[in-house]
């Protein structure tokens, strides 16, 4: 399911947006402030953000800048001020679209679908990409990118990463991962092989192996992706 973050301080509008998007089968994270939106971004896997420009404790443009420092996740701005300088400034920050208030919910839905289609998250290609912080997994091409640089992973490392990413927010037991890593030719993948591949994958993913941001150990059980 595609997860959309909405950051909007107008509570009625926020609730209306959340209700509309949930009816369209999107998972919605609804935030009423910069701080709450930033916390959601840091703790969840999100495929698109809808940001109000003016927030009670900051601005949507600043939040977009924070997002862009670690993610290429698409961003759509909402604003009551549709002056050309503000729109240009938003696009310069990396916005993917701009919607002026008041707006039609149907138009917003069409814009969202268009943006997701351009970034590979439309209904036809749902799940082709997984984006988390500065990491992007292209399931179609079986490639992984970090900060726009492709990581060189073995087939086993990729399958392990994909299994964890696809189940973001859930704990994958060692048995579940061993089942996913079972060699298609019938060769057994044992627990030692799993441990070795977890270590090698962390070495390639993590900036600081002592502070794992991507693959976290759930002691005595298995592993989970990110902050899930």
C-alpha atoms as a PDB file:
ATOM      1  CA  UNK A   1       0.000   0.000   0.000  1.00  0.00           C
ATOM      2  CA  UNK A   2       1.271   3.485  -0.903  1.00  0.00           C
ATOM      3  CA  UNK A   3       1.795   5.661   2.173  1.00  0.00           C
ATOM      4  CA  UNK A   4       1.164   9.401   1.897  1.00  0.00           C
ATOM      5  CA  UNK A   5       2.223  11.971   4.489  1.00  0.00           C
ATOM      6  CA  UNK A   6      -0.033  15.033   4.791  1.00  0.00           C
ATOM      7  CA  UNK A   7       1.227  18.036   6.776  1.00  0.00           C
ATOM      8  CA  UNK A   8      -1.544  20.644   7.098  1.00  0.00           C
ATOM      9  CA  UNK A   9      -2.434  22.841  10.102  1.00  0.00           C
ATOM     10  CA  UNK A  10      -6.087  23.338   9.086  1.00  0.00           C
ATOM     11  CA  UNK A  11      -7.609  20.460  11.043  1.00  0.00           C
ATOM     12  CA  UNK A  12     -10.809  20.245   8.979  1.00  0.00           C
ATOM     13  CA  UNK A  13      -8.862  20.219   5.708  1.00  0.00           C
ATOM     14  CA  UNK A  14      -6.408  17.674   7.118  1.00  0.00           C
ATOM     15  CA  UNK A  15      -9.242  15.355   8.133  1.00  0.00           C
ATOM     16  CA  UNK A  16     -10.946  15.800   4.753  1.00  0.00           C
ATOM     17  CA  UNK A  17      -7.744  14.996   2.865  1.00  0.00           C
ATOM     18  CA  UNK A  18      -7.058  11.948   5.021  1.00  0.00           C
ATOM     19  CA  UNK A  19     -10.618  10.654   4.554  1.00  0.00           C
ATOM     20  CA  UNK A  20     -10.493  11.142   0.760  1.00  0.00           C
ATOM     21  CA  UNK A  21      -7.133   9.446   0.347  1.00  0.00           C
ATOM     22  CA  UNK A  22      -8.018   6.534   2.606  1.00  0.00           C
ATOM     23  CA  UNK A  23     -11.128   5.924   0.474  1.00  0.00           C
ATOM     24  CA  UNK A  24      -8.727   5.624  -2.478  1.00  0.00           C
ATOM     25  CA  UNK A  25      -6.857   2.876  -0.587  1.00  0.00           C
ATOM     26  CA  UNK A  26      -3.842   4.977   0.376  1.00  0.00           C
ATOM     27  CA  UNK A  27      -2.315   4.684   3.825  1.00  0.00           C
ATOM     28  CA  UNK A  28      -2.309   8.177   5.341  1.00  0.00           C
ATOM     29  CA  UNK A  29      -0.089   9.771   7.980  1.00  0.00           C
ATOM     30  CA  UNK A  30      -1.785  13.034   9.041  1.00  0.00           C
ATOM     31  CA  UNK A  31       0.310  15.717  10.759  1.00  0.00           C
ATOM     32  CA  UNK A  32      -0.742  19.175  11.909  1.00  0.00           C
ATOM     33  CA  UNK A  33       2.710  20.676  12.382  1.00  0.00           C
ATOM     34  CA  UNK A  34       6.273  20.724  11.038  1.00  0.00           C
ATOM     35  CA  UNK A  35       7.519  18.811  14.064  1.00  0.00           C
ATOM     36  CA  UNK A  36       4.929  16.064  13.724  1.00  0.00           C
ATOM     37  CA  UNK A  37       5.516  15.775   9.968  1.00  0.00           C
ATOM     38  CA  UNK A  38       9.287  15.547  10.409  1.00  0.00           C
ATOM     39  CA  UNK A  39       8.829  12.819  13.034  1.00  0.00           C
ATOM     40  CA  UNK A  40       6.664  10.782  10.660  1.00  0.00           C
ATOM     41  CA  UNK A  41       9.243  11.179   7.883  1.00  0.00           C
ATOM     42  CA  UNK A  42      12.023   9.912  10.117  1.00  0.00           C
ATOM     43  CA  UNK A  43      10.079   6.904  11.395  1.00  0.00           C
ATOM     44  CA  UNK A  44       8.051   5.631   8.422  1.00  0.00           C
ATOM     45  CA  UNK A  45       8.472   4.482   4.861  1.00  0.00           C
ATOM     46  CA  UNK A  46       6.582   7.120   2.827  1.00  0.00           C
ATOM     47  CA  UNK A  47       6.028   7.269  -0.926  1.00  0.00           C
ATOM     48  CA  UNK A  48       4.698  10.857  -1.231  1.00  0.00           C
ATOM     49  CA  UNK A  49       4.359  13.965   0.952  1.00  0.00           C
ATOM     50  CA  UNK A  50       1.716  16.692   0.694  1.00  0.00           C
ATOM     51  CA  UNK A  51       2.985  19.776   2.524  1.00  0.00           C
ATOM     52  CA  UNK A  52       1.218  23.001   3.438  1.00  0.00           C
ATOM     53  CA  UNK A  53       3.573  25.964   3.003  1.00  0.00           C
ATOM     54  CA  UNK A  54       2.661  27.804   6.190  1.00  0.00           C
ATOM     55  CA  UNK A  55       2.718  25.779   9.393  1.00  0.00           C
ATOM     56  CA  UNK A  56       2.393  26.956  13.020  1.00  0.00           C
ATOM     57  CA  UNK A  57       5.949  25.920  13.908  1.00  0.00           C
ATOM     58  CA  UNK A  58       7.772  26.310  10.600  1.00  0.00           C
ATOM     59  CA  UNK A  59       7.211  26.045   6.876  1.00  0.00           C
ATOM     60  CA  UNK A  60       6.541  23.322   4.365  1.00  0.00           C
ATOM     61  CA  UNK A  61       9.469  24.558   2.298  1.00  0.00           C
ATOM     62  CA  UNK A  62      11.840  23.965   5.210  1.00  0.00           C
ATOM     63  CA  UNK A  63      10.371  20.491   5.707  1.00  0.00           C
ATOM     64  CA  UNK A  64      10.820  19.807   1.986  1.00  0.00           C
ATOM     65  CA  UNK A  65      14.467  20.816   2.347  1.00  0.00           C
ATOM     66  CA  UNK A  66      14.857  18.386   5.241  1.00  0.00           C
ATOM     67  CA  UNK A  67      13.282  15.613   3.180  1.00  0.00           C
ATOM     68  CA  UNK A  68      15.488  16.347   0.178  1.00  0.00           C
ATOM     69  CA  UNK A  69      18.664  15.998   2.229  1.00  0.00           C
ATOM     70  CA  UNK A  70      18.027  12.261   2.521  1.00  0.00           C
ATOM     71  CA  UNK A  71      15.251  11.256   0.127  1.00  0.00           C
ATOM     72  CA  UNK A  72      13.961  11.646  -3.435  1.00  0.00           C
ATOM     73  CA  UNK A  73      10.408  11.002  -2.276  1.00  0.00           C
ATOM     74  CA  UNK A  74       7.958  13.109  -4.333  1.00  0.00           C
ATOM     75  CA  UNK A  75       6.614  16.263  -2.644  1.00  0.00           C
ATOM     76  CA  UNK A  76       3.452  18.199  -3.474  1.00  0.00           C
ATOM     77  CA  UNK A  77       2.949  21.675  -1.974  1.00  0.00           C
ATOM     78  CA  UNK A  78      -0.382  23.145  -0.876  1.00  0.00           C
ATOM     79  CA  UNK A  79      -0.601  26.925  -0.599  1.00  0.00           C
ATOM     80  CA  UNK A  80      -3.048  29.820  -0.479  1.00  0.00           C
ATOM     81  CA  UNK A  81      -0.353  32.045  -1.977  1.00  0.00           C
ATOM     82  CA  UNK A  82       0.175  31.107  -5.622  1.00  0.00           C
ATOM     83  CA  UNK A  83       2.514  33.941  -6.554  1.00  0.00           C
ATOM     84  CA  UNK A  84       5.152  33.100  -9.135  1.00  0.00           C
ATOM     85  CA  UNK A  85       8.185  33.664  -6.837  1.00  0.00           C
ATOM     86  CA  UNK A  86       6.806  31.264  -4.226  1.00  0.00           C
ATOM     87  CA  UNK A  87       6.003  28.618  -6.819  1.00  0.00           C
ATOM     88  CA  UNK A  88       9.456  28.928  -8.387  1.00  0.00           C
ATOM     89  CA  UNK A  89      11.074  28.727  -4.945  1.00  0.00           C
ATOM     90  CA  UNK A  90       9.135  25.531  -4.225  1.00  0.00           C
ATOM     91  CA  UNK A  91      10.242  23.872  -7.435  1.00  0.00           C
ATOM     92  CA  UNK A  92      13.826  24.960  -6.785  1.00  0.00           C
ATOM     93  CA  UNK A  93      13.649  23.076  -3.483  1.00  0.00           C
ATOM     94  CA  UNK A  94      12.663  19.921  -5.329  1.00  0.00           C
ATOM     95  CA  UNK A  95       8.848  20.009  -5.272  1.00  0.00           C
ATOM     96  CA  UNK A  96       7.152  17.754  -7.815  1.00  0.00           C
ATOM     97  CA  UNK A  97       3.878  19.706  -7.991  1.00  0.00           C
ATOM     98  CA  UNK A  98       2.088  22.739  -6.581  1.00  0.00           C
ATOM     99  CA  UNK A  99      -1.633  23.011  -5.768  1.00  0.00           C
ATOM    100  CA  UNK A 100      -3.290  26.309  -4.875  1.00  0.00           C
ATOM    101  CA  UNK A 101      -6.054  26.563  -2.268  1.00  0.00           C
ATOM    102  CA  UNK A 102      -8.989  26.219  -2.636  1.00  0.00           C
ATOM    103  CA  UNK A 103      -8.819  23.116  -4.803  1.00  0.00           C
ATOM    104  CA  UNK A 104     -11.003  20.247  -5.963  1.00  0.00           C
ATOM    105  CA  UNK A 105     -10.385  16.918  -4.243  1.00  0.00           C
ATOM    106  CA  UNK A 106     -10.761  15.211  -7.616  1.00  0.00           C
ATOM    107  CA  UNK A 107      -8.050  17.436  -9.094  1.00  0.00           C
ATOM    108  CA  UNK A 108      -5.801  16.693  -6.112  1.00  0.00           C
ATOM    109  CA  UNK A 109      -6.298  12.946  -6.598  1.00  0.00           C
ATOM    110  CA  UNK A 110      -5.424  13.245 -10.295  1.00  0.00           C
ATOM    111  CA  UNK A 111      -2.285  15.227  -9.434  1.00  0.00           C
ATOM    112  CA  UNK A 112      -1.243  12.663  -6.829  1.00  0.00           C
ATOM    113  CA  UNK A 113      -1.708   9.776  -9.255  1.00  0.00           C
ATOM    114  CA  UNK A 114       0.262  11.657 -11.928  1.00  0.00           C
ATOM    115  CA  UNK A 115       3.165  12.279  -9.554  1.00  0.00           C
ATOM    116  CA  UNK A 116       3.175   8.657  -8.360  1.00  0.00           C
ATOM    117  CA  UNK A 117       3.068   7.487 -11.967  1.00  0.00           C
ATOM    118  CA  UNK A 118       6.121   9.591 -12.830  1.00  0.00           C
ATOM    119  CA  UNK A 119       8.025   8.200  -9.850  1.00  0.00           C
ATOM    120  CA  UNK A 120       7.044   4.578 -10.417  1.00  0.00           C
ATOM    121  CA  UNK A 121       4.386   4.232  -7.699  1.00  0.00           C
ATOM    122  CA  UNK A 122       1.197   4.246  -9.788  1.00  0.00           C
ATOM    123  CA  UNK A 123      -1.329   1.399  -9.627  1.00  0.00           C
ATOM    124  CA  UNK A 124       0.223  -0.401 -12.611  1.00  0.00           C
ATOM    125  CA  UNK A 125       3.675  -0.232 -11.077  1.00  0.00           C
ATOM    126  CA  UNK A 126       2.757  -0.365  -7.402  1.00  0.00           C
ATOM    127  CA  UNK A 127       5.688  -1.656  -5.404  1.00  0.00           C
ATOM    128  CA  UNK A 128       8.286  -1.294  -8.173  1.00  0.00           C
ATOM    129  CA  UNK A 129      10.170   1.139  -5.978  1.00  0.00           C
ATOM    130  CA  UNK A 130      10.801   1.286  -2.261  1.00  0.00           C
ATOM    131  CA  UNK A 131      12.193   4.556  -0.919  1.00  0.00           C
ATOM    132  CA  UNK A 132      13.474   4.950   2.637  1.00  0.00           C
ATOM    133  CA  UNK A 133      15.611   7.883   3.762  1.00  0.00           C
ATOM    134  CA  UNK A 134      18.490   8.058   1.226  1.00  0.00           C
ATOM    135  CA  UNK A 135      17.915   4.530  -0.109  1.00  0.00           C
ATOM    136  CA  UNK A 136      15.909   3.466  -3.172  1.00  0.00           C
ATOM    137  CA  UNK A 137      15.152  -0.121  -4.192  1.00  0.00           C
ATOM    138  CA  UNK A 138      14.109  -0.734  -7.804  1.00  0.00           C
ATOM    139  CA  UNK A 139      12.320  -4.087  -7.686  1.00  0.00           C
ATOM    140  CA  UNK A 140      11.894  -4.231 -11.458  1.00  0.00           C
ATOM    141  CA  UNK A 141      15.613  -3.925 -12.155  1.00  0.00           C
ATOM    142  CA  UNK A 142      16.673  -5.541  -8.858  1.00  0.00           C
ATOM    143  CA  UNK A 143      18.981  -2.625  -8.092  1.00  0.00           C
ATOM    144  CA  UNK A 144      19.583  -0.609  -4.932  1.00  0.00           C
ATOM    145  CA  UNK A 145      20.688   3.042  -4.846  1.00  0.00           C
ATOM    146  CA  UNK A 146      21.992   5.120  -1.971  1.00  0.00           C
ATOM    147  CA  UNK A 147      22.513   8.867  -2.419  1.00  0.00           C
ATOM    148  CA  UNK A 148      22.113   8.320  -6.199  1.00  0.00           C
ATOM    149  CA  UNK A 149      24.936   5.761  -6.276  1.00  0.00           C
ATOM    150  CA  UNK A 150      24.183   2.135  -7.102  1.00  0.00           C
ATOM    151  CA  UNK A 151      25.211  -0.367  -4.458  1.00  0.00           C
ATOM    152  CA  UNK A 152      26.898  -3.530  -5.684  1.00  0.00           C
ATOM    153  CA  UNK A 153      24.986  -6.344  -4.004  1.00  0.00           C
ATOM    154  CA  UNK A 154      25.162 -10.079  -4.508  1.00  0.00           C
ATOM    155  CA  UNK A 155      21.942 -11.905  -5.421  1.00  0.00           C
ATOM    156  CA  UNK A 156      21.598 -13.196  -1.862  1.00  0.00           C
ATOM    157  CA  UNK A 157      22.191  -9.739  -0.366  1.00  0.00           C
ATOM    158  CA  UNK A 158      19.576  -8.227  -2.674  1.00  0.00           C
ATOM    159  CA  UNK A 159      16.996 -10.913  -1.862  1.00  0.00           C
ATOM    160  CA  UNK A 160      17.615 -10.369   1.851  1.00  0.00           C
ATOM    161  CA  UNK A 161      17.248  -6.591   1.566  1.00  0.00           C
ATOM    162  CA  UNK A 162      14.101  -6.923  -0.568  1.00  0.00           C
ATOM    163  CA  UNK A 163      12.515  -9.318   1.934  1.00  0.00           C
ATOM    164  CA  UNK A 164      13.093  -6.878   4.814  1.00  0.00           C
ATOM    165  CA  UNK A 165      12.030  -3.805   2.825  1.00  0.00           C
ATOM    166  CA  UNK A 166       8.854  -5.458   1.528  1.00  0.00           C
ATOM    167  CA  UNK A 167       7.909  -6.227   5.138  1.00  0.00           C
ATOM    168  CA  UNK A 168       8.851  -2.836   6.562  1.00  0.00           C
ATOM    169  CA  UNK A 169       7.305  -2.369   9.992  1.00  0.00           C
ATOM    170  CA  UNK A 170       7.219  -6.094  10.720  1.00  0.00           C
ATOM    171  CA  UNK A 171       9.705  -8.379  12.427  1.00  0.00           C
ATOM    172  CA  UNK A 172      11.093 -11.054  10.099  1.00  0.00           C
ATOM    173  CA  UNK A 173      12.154 -14.123  12.037  1.00  0.00           C
ATOM    174  CA  UNK A 174      15.359 -15.895  11.047  1.00  0.00           C
ATOM    175  CA  UNK A 175      13.233 -18.813   9.844  1.00  0.00           C
ATOM    176  CA  UNK A 176      11.179 -16.534   7.582  1.00  0.00           C
ATOM    177  CA  UNK A 177      14.329 -15.029   6.080  1.00  0.00           C
ATOM    178  CA  UNK A 178      15.949 -18.427   5.591  1.00  0.00           C
ATOM    179  CA  UNK A 179      12.850 -19.505   3.690  1.00  0.00           C
ATOM    180  CA  UNK A 180      13.106 -16.434   1.450  1.00  0.00           C
ATOM    181  CA  UNK A 181      16.816 -17.060   0.849  1.00  0.00           C
ATOM    182  CA  UNK A 182      16.418 -20.750  -0.011  1.00  0.00           C
ATOM    183  CA  UNK A 183      18.390 -21.287  -3.198  1.00  0.00           C
ATOM    184  CA  UNK A 184      16.126 -21.939  -6.187  1.00  0.00           C
ATOM    185  CA  UNK A 185      18.348 -24.847  -7.194  1.00  0.00           C
ATOM    186  CA  UNK A 186      17.546 -26.500  -3.858  1.00  0.00           C
ATOM    187  CA  UNK A 187      20.755 -25.673  -1.993  1.00  0.00           C
ATOM    188  CA  UNK A 188      20.201 -25.111   1.719  1.00  0.00           C
ATOM    189  CA  UNK A 189      20.934 -21.673   3.176  1.00  0.00           C
ATOM    190  CA  UNK A 190      21.890 -22.068   6.822  1.00  0.00           C
ATOM    191  CA  UNK A 191      21.846 -19.624   9.731  1.00  0.00           C
ATOM    192  CA  UNK A 192      25.547 -18.903   9.444  1.00  0.00           C
ATOM    193  CA  UNK A 193      25.037 -17.843   5.808  1.00  0.00           C
ATOM    194  CA  UNK A 194      22.190 -15.566   6.929  1.00  0.00           C
ATOM    195  CA  UNK A 195      24.364 -13.930   9.607  1.00  0.00           C
ATOM    196  CA  UNK A 196      27.228 -13.415   7.157  1.00  0.00           C
ATOM    197  CA  UNK A 197      24.934 -11.798   4.591  1.00  0.00           C
ATOM    198  CA  UNK A 198      23.318  -9.531   7.202  1.00  0.00           C
ATOM    199  CA  UNK A 199      26.795  -8.313   8.162  1.00  0.00           C
ATOM    200  CA  UNK A 200      27.883  -7.782   4.547  1.00  0.00           C
ATOM    201  CA  UNK A 201      24.650  -5.958   3.742  1.00  0.00           C
ATOM    202  CA  UNK A 202      25.033  -3.684   6.758  1.00  0.00           C
ATOM    203  CA  UNK A 203      28.614  -2.915   5.743  1.00  0.00           C
ATOM    204  CA  UNK A 204      27.306  -1.689   2.374  1.00  0.00           C
ATOM    205  CA  UNK A 205      24.256   0.158   3.710  1.00  0.00           C
ATOM    206  CA  UNK A 206      25.274   1.711   6.983  1.00  0.00           C
ATOM    207  CA  UNK A 207      27.392   4.827   7.449  1.00  0.00           C
ATOM    208  CA  UNK A 208      28.061   3.683  11.018  1.00  0.00           C
ATOM    209  CA  UNK A 209      27.699  -0.110  11.600  1.00  0.00           C
ATOM    210  CA  UNK A 210      27.340   0.593  15.341  1.00  0.00           C
ATOM    211  CA  UNK A 211      24.251   2.747  14.702  1.00  0.00           C
ATOM    212  CA  UNK A 212      22.128   0.761  12.240  1.00  0.00           C
ATOM    213  CA  UNK A 213      19.548   2.881  10.424  1.00  0.00           C
ATOM    214  CA  UNK A 214      18.306   0.229   8.024  1.00  0.00           C
ATOM    215  CA  UNK A 215      18.506  -3.315   9.401  1.00  0.00           C
ATOM    216  CA  UNK A 216      17.826  -3.609  13.125  1.00  0.00           C
ATOM    217  CA  UNK A 217      18.281  -6.757  15.174  1.00  0.00           C
ATOM    218  CA  UNK A 218      15.385  -8.028  17.271  1.00  0.00           C
ATOM    219  CA  UNK A 219      17.342 -10.131  19.725  1.00  0.00           C
ATOM    220  CA  UNK A 220      16.323 -13.765  19.934  1.00  0.00           C
ATOM    221  CA  UNK A 221      13.842 -13.402  17.066  1.00  0.00           C
ATOM    222  CA  UNK A 222      15.247 -11.943  13.848  1.00  0.00           C
ATOM    223  CA  UNK A 223      15.423  -8.579  12.100  1.00  0.00           C
ATOM    224  CA  UNK A 224      13.278  -5.639  11.114  1.00  0.00           C
ATOM    225  CA  UNK A 225      13.655  -2.850   8.575  1.00  0.00           C
ATOM    226  CA  UNK A 226      14.456   0.649   9.780  1.00  0.00           C
ATOM    227  CA  UNK A 227      12.376   2.076  12.591  1.00  0.00           C
ATOM    228  CA  UNK A 228       9.610  -0.455  12.158  1.00  0.00           C
END
